[in-house]
Amino acid sequence: MSAPIAHGGGITEAAARFGGAPDDWLDLSTGINPCPVALPKIDARVWHRLPDRHLEETARAAARGYYRTGDLMPLPVPGTQAVIQLLPRLADPERRAAIFGPTYGEYARVLKAAGFAVDPVACADDLSAAHGIAVLVNPNNPTGRLFPPDEILAMATAMKAHGGLLVVDEAFGDLEPEASVAPHVAAQDNLVVLRSFGKFFGLAGLRLGFVVANATITTSFREWLGPWAVSGPALSISATLLESDTKPIRDGILQRNEALHTVLCSAGINVVGGTGLFALVDHERANDLHAGLCRERILTRKFDYDRRWLRIGLAADADGDRRLAEALRLAGV
């Protein structure tokens, strides 16, 4: 297996290098809602027992309604990262893989480690009959690029003609429901949609995601993951929250996003992309800016493949906004 990918987070390592206790740091390196929703009440028996089948079925039914998947029941999984590790099993390593990039690095790492030749692609015209699997993150991380559903479905149709599979990662799709292709999977059996639960609800620690795919694929994932892959508390929480009114969550994220953009604009920072949960900025001294913010105990996400980019997530409140604004000033921006 190749070297691990650098992700957001990593407060412990940052504190060891730049000082301070982890709790002193403001973590803006991830794309997670900084204001986690209140946890619903969980029956004490859920903690005491292995996850009963009815818990999973209730969560799947709630996910079916939330993701608008029609007759398809999304499969709960212990975080979409667990599914990414298994993706090579769905395709023939003798065929090539295509990844719309630049994007989340785990896809290329996992596919290459499984023996696939991986081609970075930018548009549908770059896909060919040689590609047995293609991966599209939509909205994209970190650029925020968004393909409309009709273009994605056309890609899936084209790939089906030569036995190819299209995987669409909608980890940041909760704020763009009209762009989701999850409602179309039932009619497109070579389409697989991955959804993250923790980012939008601010509960990444649950390690929960959902797979929307045909029954053959979801059955395979269930077998590969083994019994009790998702905890009872995660299933219970998701069943309740996916059926709740999510408009206040969405509104709160958008307010926090507006506050972040106000801070960056006031500091003269050039925002070139992002989603509702983070901003992508371009700066000629991005690495220096990253280090300067670290000295002020603020962690952002830098990129090895583009040294002008930083990804900056949302602060939880106005105090965090002020802290970022002051740190940018001290960093000489």
Protein backbone atom coordinates (compact mmCIF):
# COMPACT_ATOMS: atom_id res chain seq x y z
CA MET A 1 0.00 0.00 0.00
CA SER A 2 1.28 3.47 -0.85
CA ALA A 3 1.96 6.20 1.72
CA PRO A 4 -1.07 7.60 3.55
CA ILE A 5 -2.80 10.64 2.10
CA ALA A 6 -2.66 13.88 4.09
CA HIS A 7 -6.19 14.81 5.14
CA GLY A 8 -7.83 17.52 7.17
CA GLY A 9 -7.60 17.15 10.92
CA GLY A 10 -4.33 16.17 12.52
CA ILE A 11 -4.50 18.61 15.42
CA THR A 12 -2.25 16.39 17.57
CA GLU A 13 0.53 16.47 14.99
CA ALA A 14 0.12 20.21 14.42
CA ALA A 15 0.28 20.92 18.16
CA ALA A 16 3.41 18.76 18.48
CA ARG A 17 5.10 20.83 15.76
CA PHE A 18 3.85 24.35 16.49
CA GLY A 19 3.03 24.15 20.18
CA GLY A 20 0.03 24.37 22.42
CA ALA A 21 -2.36 21.69 23.58
CA PRO A 22 -4.77 20.23 20.99
CA ASP A 23 -7.68 21.89 22.76
CA ASP A 24 -6.04 25.29 22.17
CA TRP A 25 -6.37 24.92 18.42
CA LEU A 26 -9.06 26.08 16.03
CA ASP A 27 -9.44 23.33 13.44
CA LEU A 28 -10.47 24.82 10.08
CA SER A 29 -8.84 22.05 8.07
CA THR A 30 -11.93 19.89 7.58
CA GLY A 31 -15.20 20.21 5.69
CA ILE A 32 -17.42 19.32 8.64
CA ASN A 33 -20.30 21.34 10.05
CA PRO A 34 -18.66 23.03 13.08
CA CYS A 35 -22.01 23.21 14.89
CA PRO A 36 -23.02 19.57 15.44
CA VAL A 37 -26.72 18.94 15.79
CA ALA A 38 -28.15 17.94 19.15
CA LEU A 39 -28.18 14.19 19.56
CA PRO A 40 -31.65 12.66 19.66
CA LYS A 41 -32.65 10.41 22.51
CA ILE A 42 -31.32 6.86 22.10
CA ASP A 43 -33.02 3.89 23.72
CA ALA A 44 -30.67 2.38 26.32
CA ARG A 45 -31.11 -1.03 24.70
CA VAL A 46 -29.36 0.25 21.59
CA TRP A 47 -26.16 0.59 23.60
CA HIS A 48 -26.60 -2.78 25.24
CA ARG A 49 -27.28 -4.98 22.21
CA LEU A 50 -25.65 -5.74 18.90
CA PRO A 51 -27.41 -3.77 16.14
CA ASP A 52 -30.76 -5.46 15.52
CA ARG A 53 -31.99 -5.79 11.94
CA HIS A 54 -34.92 -3.48 12.61
CA LEU A 55 -32.50 -0.65 13.48
CA GLU A 56 -30.81 -1.02 10.11
CA GLU A 57 -34.08 -1.22 8.23
CA THR A 58 -35.37 1.91 9.97
CA ALA A 59 -32.19 3.80 9.09
CA ARG A 60 -32.37 2.58 5.48
CA ALA A 61 -35.97 3.71 5.15
CA ALA A 62 -35.08 7.15 6.51
CA ALA A 63 -32.15 7.37 4.10
CA ARG A 64 -34.39 6.34 1.20
CA GLY A 65 -36.65 9.29 1.92
CA TYR A 66 -33.83 11.77 2.56
CA TYR A 67 -31.86 10.85 -0.56
CA ARG A 68 -35.04 10.32 -2.65
CA THR A 69 -33.96 6.93 -3.96
CA GLY A 70 -37.39 5.53 -4.77
CA ASP A 71 -37.51 1.75 -4.41
CA LEU A 72 -33.79 1.45 -3.62
CA MET A 73 -32.82 1.15 0.03
CA PRO A 74 -29.45 2.82 0.70
CA LEU A 75 -26.97 0.64 2.57
CA PRO A 76 -25.53 2.09 5.79
CA VAL A 77 -21.75 1.68 5.99
CA PRO A 78 -19.12 2.59 8.62
CA GLY A 79 -18.06 5.75 6.80
CA THR A 80 -17.61 6.08 3.05
CA GLN A 81 -13.85 5.58 3.51
CA ALA A 82 -14.57 1.92 4.28
CA VAL A 83 -16.34 1.63 0.92
CA ILE A 84 -13.52 3.35 -0.96
CA GLN A 85 -11.19 0.62 0.30
CA LEU A 86 -13.48 -1.95 -1.31
CA LEU A 87 -14.09 -0.24 -4.66
CA PRO A 88 -11.34 -2.16 -6.50
CA ARG A 89 -13.38 -5.33 -6.00
CA LEU A 90 -16.11 -3.94 -8.25
CA ALA A 91 -13.94 -3.61 -11.34
CA ASP A 92 -11.40 -5.50 -13.42
CA PRO A 93 -7.83 -4.34 -12.64
CA GLU A 94 -6.89 -5.23 -16.21
CA ARG A 95 -8.95 -2.21 -17.27
CA ARG A 96 -8.06 1.39 -16.48
CA ALA A 97 -9.64 3.66 -13.87
CA ALA A 98 -10.53 7.33 -14.39
CA ILE A 99 -10.76 9.94 -11.65
CA PHE A 100 -12.08 13.44 -12.18
CA GLY A 101 -9.46 15.59 -10.49
CA PRO A 102 -7.90 17.11 -8.65
CA THR A 103 -9.95 15.60 -5.87
CA TYR A 104 -9.97 13.51 -2.71
CA GLY A 105 -6.73 11.54 -2.85
CA GLU A 106 -7.88 8.24 -1.38
CA TYR A 107 -9.50 7.10 -4.62
CA ALA A 108 -6.28 7.17 -6.61
CA ARG A 109 -4.26 5.71 -3.75
CA VAL A 110 -6.58 2.74 -3.23
CA LEU A 111 -7.05 1.96 -6.93
CA LYS A 112 -3.34 2.18 -7.69
CA ALA A 113 -2.54 -0.07 -4.74
CA ALA A 114 -4.97 -2.63 -6.19
CA GLY A 115 -3.10 -2.63 -9.48
CA PHE A 116 -5.22 -0.25 -11.54
CA ALA A 117 -3.70 2.19 -14.00
CA VAL A 118 -5.34 5.47 -13.01
CA ASP A 119 -5.99 8.32 -15.43
CA PRO A 120 -6.80 11.81 -14.15
CA VAL A 121 -9.62 13.24 -16.27
CA ALA A 122 -11.29 16.62 -16.48
CA CYS A 123 -14.45 16.05 -18.51
CA ALA A 124 -16.71 13.38 -19.97
CA ASP A 125 -14.84 13.42 -23.27
CA ASP A 126 -11.78 12.07 -21.45
CA LEU A 127 -13.58 8.82 -20.61
CA SER A 128 -13.05 5.91 -22.98
CA ALA A 129 -13.92 2.26 -23.45
CA ALA A 130 -10.66 1.43 -21.69
CA HIS A 131 -12.05 2.67 -18.38
CA GLY A 132 -13.78 -0.01 -16.33
CA ILE A 133 -14.48 2.36 -13.45
CA ALA A 134 -14.64 6.15 -13.13
CA VAL A 135 -14.91 8.26 -9.98
CA LEU A 136 -16.50 11.69 -9.78
CA VAL A 137 -16.75 13.73 -6.56
CA ASN A 138 -19.72 16.07 -6.90
CA PRO A 139 -19.55 18.77 -5.53
CA ASN A 140 -15.84 18.31 -5.79
CA ASN A 141 -13.40 18.45 -2.91
CA PRO A 142 -11.58 20.84 -2.85
CA THR A 143 -12.59 22.91 -5.88
CA GLY A 144 -16.37 22.78 -5.47
CA ARG A 145 -16.86 22.04 -9.17
CA LEU A 146 -20.43 20.81 -9.72
CA PHE A 147 -21.64 18.69 -12.62
CA PRO A 148 -25.41 18.80 -13.31
CA PRO A 149 -27.28 15.49 -13.08
CA ASP A 150 -27.96 15.21 -16.81
CA GLU A 151 -24.24 15.29 -17.60
CA ILE A 152 -23.49 12.65 -14.99
CA LEU A 153 -26.26 10.40 -16.21
CA ALA A 154 -24.98 10.74 -19.76
CA MET A 155 -21.54 9.65 -18.52
CA ALA A 156 -23.09 6.63 -16.82
CA THR A 157 -24.96 5.68 -19.98
CA ALA A 158 -21.81 5.99 -22.07
CA MET A 159 -19.82 3.86 -19.63
CA LYS A 160 -22.54 1.21 -19.48
CA ALA A 161 -22.12 0.66 -23.22
CA HIS A 162 -18.69 -0.84 -22.56
CA GLY A 163 -19.38 -2.39 -19.16
CA GLY A 164 -18.02 0.46 -17.09
CA LEU A 165 -19.04 1.58 -13.61
CA LEU A 166 -19.46 5.22 -12.53
CA VAL A 167 -19.00 6.06 -8.84
CA VAL A 168 -20.29 9.46 -7.72
CA ASP A 169 -19.16 10.67 -4.29
CA GLU A 170 -21.71 13.17 -2.96
CA ALA A 171 -20.08 13.65 0.44
CA PHE A 172 -20.80 17.39 0.26
CA GLY A 173 -24.13 17.02 -1.51
CA ASP A 174 -26.54 17.85 1.31
CA LEU A 175 -26.45 21.54 0.46
CA GLU A 176 -26.99 20.80 -3.26
CA PRO A 177 -29.90 18.29 -3.26
CA GLU A 178 -30.97 19.25 -6.77
CA ALA A 179 -27.57 18.13 -8.09
CA SER A 180 -27.78 14.62 -6.61
CA VAL A 181 -28.04 11.62 -8.92
CA ALA A 182 -29.09 9.32 -6.07
CA PRO A 183 -32.75 9.53 -7.24
CA HIS A 184 -31.69 8.13 -10.63
CA VAL A 185 -29.70 5.08 -9.52
CA ALA A 186 -32.69 2.73 -9.77
CA ALA A 187 -32.80 3.38 -13.52
CA GLN A 188 -29.02 3.28 -14.01
CA ASP A 189 -27.61 0.02 -12.65
CA ASN A 190 -23.95 0.89 -13.33
CA LEU A 191 -24.18 3.99 -11.13
CA VAL A 192 -23.01 3.97 -7.49
CA VAL A 193 -23.58 6.98 -5.23
CA LEU A 194 -21.75 7.45 -1.94
CA ARG A 195 -23.21 9.75 0.71
CA SER A 196 -21.59 10.99 3.92
CA PHE A 197 -23.71 11.49 7.03
CA GLY A 198 -21.26 13.15 9.40
CA LYS A 199 -20.21 16.21 7.40
CA PHE A 200 -23.59 17.92 7.12
CA PHE A 201 -24.84 16.95 10.57
CA GLY A 202 -21.49 17.69 12.22
CA LEU A 203 -21.19 14.14 13.55
CA ALA A 204 -18.15 12.79 11.71
CA GLY A 205 -17.21 10.74 14.77
CA LEU A 206 -20.14 8.41 14.12
CA ARG A 207 -18.29 7.09 11.05
CA LEU A 208 -21.45 6.65 9.01
CA GLY A 209 -22.24 6.83 5.33
CA PHE A 210 -24.67 5.33 2.82
CA VAL A 211 -24.25 3.55 -0.50
CA VAL A 212 -26.94 3.92 -3.16
CA ALA A 213 -26.55 1.21 -5.79
CA ASN A 214 -28.28 -1.78 -7.32
CA ALA A 215 -29.02 -4.77 -5.11
CA THR A 216 -26.10 -6.81 -6.44
CA ILE A 217 -23.59 -4.16 -5.47
CA THR A 218 -25.08 -3.38 -2.06
CA THR A 219 -25.24 -7.10 -1.27
CA SER A 220 -21.56 -7.40 -2.15
CA PHE A 221 -20.64 -4.50 0.11
CA ARG A 222 -22.70 -5.99 2.94
CA GLU A 223 -20.85 -9.30 2.62
CA TRP A 224 -17.43 -7.65 2.39
CA LEU A 225 -18.04 -5.45 5.43
CA GLY A 226 -19.32 -8.33 7.52
CA PRO A 227 -21.97 -8.41 10.25
CA TRP A 228 -22.70 -5.43 12.51
CA ALA A 229 -20.56 -3.08 10.42
CA VAL A 230 -22.47 -0.01 11.62
CA SER A 231 -23.09 0.57 15.31
CA GLY A 232 -26.57 0.60 16.77
CA PRO A 233 -26.25 4.16 18.08
CA ALA A 234 -25.19 5.40 14.62
CA LEU A 235 -28.18 3.70 13.02
CA SER A 236 -30.56 5.08 15.63
CA ILE A 237 -29.23 8.65 15.36
CA SER A 238 -29.30 8.64 11.56
CA ALA A 239 -32.86 7.30 11.42
CA THR A 240 -34.07 10.18 13.58
CA LEU A 241 -32.06 12.99 12.02
CA LEU A 242 -32.66 12.01 8.39
CA GLU A 243 -36.38 12.33 9.03
CA SER A 244 -36.06 15.65 10.86
CA ASP A 245 -36.40 19.19 9.52
CA THR A 246 -32.90 19.89 8.20
CA LYS A 247 -33.58 23.45 7.04
CA PRO A 248 -32.20 25.01 10.26
CA ILE A 249 -29.00 22.99 9.81
CA ARG A 250 -28.67 24.14 6.22
CA ASP A 251 -29.36 27.76 7.16
CA GLY A 252 -26.79 27.63 9.94
CA ILE A 253 -24.11 26.28 7.63
CA LEU A 254 -24.81 28.96 5.03
CA GLN A 255 -24.60 31.69 7.69
CA ARG A 256 -21.26 30.33 8.87
CA ASN A 257 -20.07 30.14 5.26
CA GLU A 258 -21.03 33.76 4.65
CA ALA A 259 -19.10 34.79 7.76
CA LEU A 260 -16.01 32.92 6.52
CA HIS A 261 -16.17 34.61 3.15
CA THR A 262 -16.51 38.00 4.84
CA VAL A 263 -13.31 37.37 6.83
CA LEU A 264 -11.39 36.19 3.77
CA CYS A 265 -12.63 39.06 1.60
CA SER A 266 -11.68 41.61 4.26
CA ALA A 267 -8.19 40.12 4.39
CA GLY A 268 -7.82 40.31 0.62
CA ILE A 269 -7.75 36.53 0.25
CA ASN A 270 -8.71 35.19 -3.18
CA VAL A 271 -11.43 32.54 -2.91
CA VAL A 272 -11.38 30.34 -6.02
CA GLY A 273 -13.74 27.54 -5.07
CA GLY A 274 -15.31 25.51 -2.31
CA THR A 275 -18.65 24.24 -1.05
CA GLY A 276 -20.96 25.38 1.73
CA LEU A 277 -18.66 23.71 4.24
CA PHE A 278 -15.30 25.15 3.17
CA ALA A 279 -13.59 27.71 0.97
CA LEU A 280 -10.67 27.04 -1.37
CA VAL A 281 -8.26 29.97 -1.53
CA ASP A 282 -5.42 30.74 -3.88
CA HIS A 283 -2.40 32.56 -2.47
CA GLU A 284 1.13 32.92 -3.78
CA ARG A 285 2.48 32.23 -0.27
CA ALA A 286 -0.01 29.54 0.69
CA ASN A 287 2.53 27.40 2.57
CA ASP A 288 3.79 30.42 4.51
CA LEU A 289 0.22 31.42 5.25
CA HIS A 290 -0.55 27.91 6.47
CA ALA A 291 2.47 27.99 8.80
CA GLY A 292 1.62 31.49 10.01
CA LEU A 293 -1.89 30.39 10.94
CA CYS A 294 -0.46 27.33 12.67
CA ARG A 295 1.68 29.60 14.83
CA GLU A 296 -1.58 31.19 15.92
CA ARG A 297 -2.98 27.70 16.63
CA ILE A 298 -5.27 27.60 13.59
CA LEU A 299 -5.08 24.59 11.29
CA THR A 300 -5.99 24.76 7.59
CA ARG A 301 -5.53 22.23 4.81
CA LYS A 302 -2.67 22.60 2.37
CA PHE A 303 -2.08 20.55 -0.79
CA ASP A 304 1.06 18.90 -2.08
CA TYR A 305 -0.19 19.01 -5.66
CA ASP A 306 -0.91 22.76 -5.66
CA ARG A 307 1.20 24.90 -3.39
CA ARG A 308 -0.97 27.97 -4.01
CA TRP A 309 -4.05 26.40 -2.46
CA LEU A 310 -5.43 26.26 1.06
CA ARG A 311 -8.78 24.83 2.11
CA ILE A 312 -10.35 26.70 5.01
CA GLY A 313 -13.35 25.33 6.87
CA LEU A 314 -16.03 27.05 8.89
CA ALA A 315 -15.60 28.39 12.40
CA ALA A 316 -18.37 27.58 14.84
CA ASP A 317 -19.13 31.15 15.88
CA ALA A 318 -18.21 34.83 15.65
CA ASP A 319 -15.36 34.36 18.12
CA GLY A 320 -13.79 31.90 15.72
CA ASP A 321 -14.25 34.34 12.85
CA ARG A 322 -12.51 37.08 14.82
CA ARG A 323 -9.70 34.73 15.75
CA LEU A 324 -9.15 33.82 12.09
CA ALA A 325 -9.24 37.49 11.02
CA GLU A 326 -6.63 38.41 13.63
CA ALA A 327 -4.43 35.44 12.70
CA LEU A 328 -4.53 36.45 9.05
CA ARG A 329 -3.47 39.96 10.04
CA LEU A 330 -0.57 38.62 12.13
CA ALA A 331 0.46 36.30 9.30
CA GLY A 332 1.09 39.40 7.20
CA VAL A 333 -1.74 38.94 4.73
